[in-house]
Amino acid sequence: MITVQNNLSIRFAICVDTDDPDLLTPRMVYQVLPDEDAAKSGYLRVIDNEGEDYLYPARYFVLVDFPQPVQQVLLRTSVPVMRSVDSEPST
């Protein structure tokens, strides 16, 4: 179980832009890892689609605050919780 103290450092962000759709998927939720130096330079350290933590421009994300039960579910989920849906039907 996640304690309240640990919960304070758990952050999530939704991707809103990317330059590499293999690593980041717009509209998908990503866990943000603490990295003060990166934040000072305008970057966020996130766990990307390959399961690796990497620095990406902060402008690619919108930080979100989820209720604790949602955070717990996201932390237990090892697969992407949302995939982008093409706006055009395939033919």
C-alpha atoms as a PDB file:
ATOM      1  CA  MET A   1       0.000   0.000   0.000  1.00  0.00           C
ATOM      2  CA  ILE A   2       1.165   3.545  -0.761  1.00  0.00           C
ATOM      3  CA  THR A   3       1.734   5.740   2.261  1.00  0.00           C
ATOM      4  CA  VAL A   4       0.693   9.386   2.389  1.00  0.00           C
ATOM      5  CA  GLN A   5       4.327  10.492   2.577  1.00  0.00           C
ATOM      6  CA  ASN A   6       5.260   8.567  -0.579  1.00  0.00           C
ATOM      7  CA  ASN A   7       2.090   9.732  -2.270  1.00  0.00           C
ATOM      8  CA  LEU A   8       3.313  13.345  -2.160  1.00  0.00           C
ATOM      9  CA  SER A   9       6.107  12.580  -4.632  1.00  0.00           C
ATOM     10  CA  ILE A  10       3.953  10.554  -7.042  1.00  0.00           C
ATOM     11  CA  ARG A  11       2.969  12.670 -10.012  1.00  0.00           C
ATOM     12  CA  PHE A  12       1.296  11.951 -13.303  1.00  0.00           C
ATOM     13  CA  ALA A  13       1.043  13.828 -16.572  1.00  0.00           C
ATOM     14  CA  ILE A  14      -0.959  13.497 -19.757  1.00  0.00           C
ATOM     15  CA  CYS A  15       1.013  13.739 -22.983  1.00  0.00           C
ATOM     16  CA  VAL A  16      -0.290  16.483 -25.276  1.00  0.00           C
ATOM     17  CA  ASP A  17       2.530  16.564 -27.850  1.00  0.00           C
ATOM     18  CA  THR A  18       5.450  14.425 -29.000  1.00  0.00           C
ATOM     19  CA  ASP A  19       8.216  14.300 -31.552  1.00  0.00           C
ATOM     20  CA  ASP A  20       8.438  10.493 -31.328  1.00  0.00           C
ATOM     21  CA  PRO A  21       5.084   8.632 -31.216  1.00  0.00           C
ATOM     22  CA  ASP A  22       6.888   5.340 -30.513  1.00  0.00           C
ATOM     23  CA  LEU A  23       8.040   6.688 -27.143  1.00  0.00           C
ATOM     24  CA  LEU A  24       5.172   9.007 -26.161  1.00  0.00           C
ATOM     25  CA  THR A  25       1.516   8.735 -27.097  1.00  0.00           C
ATOM     26  CA  PRO A  26      -0.657  11.863 -27.027  1.00  0.00           C
ATOM     27  CA  ARG A  27      -3.579  11.611 -24.553  1.00  0.00           C
ATOM     28  CA  MET A  28      -1.825   8.853 -22.584  1.00  0.00           C
ATOM     29  CA  VAL A  29      -1.045   9.084 -18.852  1.00  0.00           C
ATOM     30  CA  TYR A  30       2.609   8.873 -17.770  1.00  0.00           C
ATOM     31  CA  GLN A  31       4.233   8.670 -14.351  1.00  0.00           C
ATOM     32  CA  VAL A  32       6.543  11.611 -13.636  1.00  0.00           C
ATOM     33  CA  LEU A  33       9.673  10.930 -11.613  1.00  0.00           C
ATOM     34  CA  PRO A  34      11.211  13.605  -9.375  1.00  0.00           C
ATOM     35  CA  ASP A  35      14.090  15.474 -11.048  1.00  0.00           C
ATOM     36  CA  GLU A  36      14.621  19.031  -9.840  1.00  0.00           C
ATOM     37  CA  ASP A  37      17.503  19.740 -12.236  1.00  0.00           C
ATOM     38  CA  ALA A  38      15.391  18.670 -15.204  1.00  0.00           C
ATOM     39  CA  ALA A  39      12.467  20.819 -14.032  1.00  0.00           C
ATOM     40  CA  LYS A  40      14.747  23.875 -13.776  1.00  0.00           C
ATOM     41  CA  SER A  41      15.649  23.324 -17.434  1.00  0.00           C
ATOM     42  CA  GLY A  42      12.045  22.903 -18.585  1.00  0.00           C
ATOM     43  CA  TYR A  43      12.024  19.105 -18.746  1.00  0.00           C
ATOM     44  CA  LEU A  44      10.126  16.285 -17.040  1.00  0.00           C
ATOM     45  CA  ARG A  45      11.482  12.820 -16.344  1.00  0.00           C
ATOM     46  CA  VAL A  46       8.736  10.372 -17.298  1.00  0.00           C
ATOM     47  CA  ILE A  47       8.468   6.623 -17.767  1.00  0.00           C
ATOM     48  CA  ASP A  48       7.870   6.348 -21.514  1.00  0.00           C
ATOM     49  CA  ASN A  49       6.217   3.676 -23.691  1.00  0.00           C
ATOM     50  CA  GLU A  50       9.344   1.504 -23.510  1.00  0.00           C
ATOM     51  CA  GLY A  51       9.213   1.516 -19.706  1.00  0.00           C
ATOM     52  CA  GLU A  52      12.352   3.655 -19.453  1.00  0.00           C
ATOM     53  CA  ASP A  53      12.643   6.922 -17.560  1.00  0.00           C
ATOM     54  CA  TYR A  54      13.757   9.695 -19.889  1.00  0.00           C
ATOM     55  CA  LEU A  55      13.751  13.486 -20.053  1.00  0.00           C
ATOM     56  CA  TYR A  56      11.185  15.129 -22.303  1.00  0.00           C
ATOM     57  CA  PRO A  57      10.248  18.784 -22.756  1.00  0.00           C
ATOM     58  CA  ALA A  58       7.696  19.768 -20.096  1.00  0.00           C
ATOM     59  CA  ARG A  59       5.609  21.390 -22.845  1.00  0.00           C
ATOM     60  CA  TYR A  60       4.762  17.864 -24.062  1.00  0.00           C
ATOM     61  CA  PHE A  61       2.703  17.273 -20.898  1.00  0.00           C
ATOM     62  CA  VAL A  62      -0.031  18.593 -18.646  1.00  0.00           C
ATOM     63  CA  LEU A  63       0.455  17.626 -14.992  1.00  0.00           C
ATOM     64  CA  VAL A  64      -2.646  16.107 -13.395  1.00  0.00           C
ATOM     65  CA  ASP A  65      -3.670  15.335  -9.825  1.00  0.00           C
ATOM     66  CA  PHE A  66      -5.586  12.084  -9.532  1.00  0.00           C
ATOM     67  CA  PRO A  67      -7.358  10.903  -6.369  1.00  0.00           C
ATOM     68  CA  GLN A  68      -5.301   8.384  -4.368  1.00  0.00           C
ATOM     69  CA  PRO A  69      -7.357   5.335  -5.481  1.00  0.00           C
ATOM     70  CA  VAL A  70      -6.713   6.258  -9.123  1.00  0.00           C
ATOM     71  CA  GLN A  71      -2.989   6.718  -8.452  1.00  0.00           C
ATOM     72  CA  GLN A  72      -2.842   3.268  -6.855  1.00  0.00           C
ATOM     73  CA  VAL A  73      -4.486   1.680  -9.898  1.00  0.00           C
ATOM     74  CA  LEU A  74      -2.136   3.493 -12.272  1.00  0.00           C
ATOM     75  CA  LEU A  75       0.925   2.406 -10.292  1.00  0.00           C
ATOM     76  CA  ARG A  76      -0.213  -1.238 -10.399  1.00  0.00           C
ATOM     77  CA  THR A  77      -0.810  -1.085 -14.144  1.00  0.00           C
ATOM     78  CA  SER A  78       2.168  -2.261 -16.175  1.00  0.00           C
ATOM     79  CA  VAL A  79       0.578  -1.741 -19.579  1.00  0.00           C
ATOM     80  CA  PRO A  80      -0.562   1.526 -21.140  1.00  0.00           C
ATOM     81  CA  VAL A  81      -3.934   2.526 -19.727  1.00  0.00           C
ATOM     82  CA  MET A  82      -5.027   4.390 -22.817  1.00  0.00           C
ATOM     83  CA  ARG A  83      -4.145   4.342 -26.471  1.00  0.00           C
ATOM     84  CA  SER A  84      -4.791   7.105 -28.944  1.00  0.00           C
ATOM     85  CA  VAL A  85      -7.721   6.569 -31.227  1.00  0.00           C
ATOM     86  CA  ASP A  86      -7.335   7.590 -34.850  1.00  0.00           C
ATOM     87  CA  SER A  87      -9.828  10.270 -35.780  1.00  0.00           C
ATOM     88  CA  GLU A  88     -10.276   8.750 -39.245  1.00  0.00           C
ATOM     89  CA  PRO A  89     -11.775   5.279 -39.672  1.00  0.00           C
ATOM     90  CA  SER A  90      -9.507   2.791 -41.434  1.00  0.00           C
ATOM     91  CA  THR A  91     -10.591   1.610 -44.843  1.00  0.00           C
END
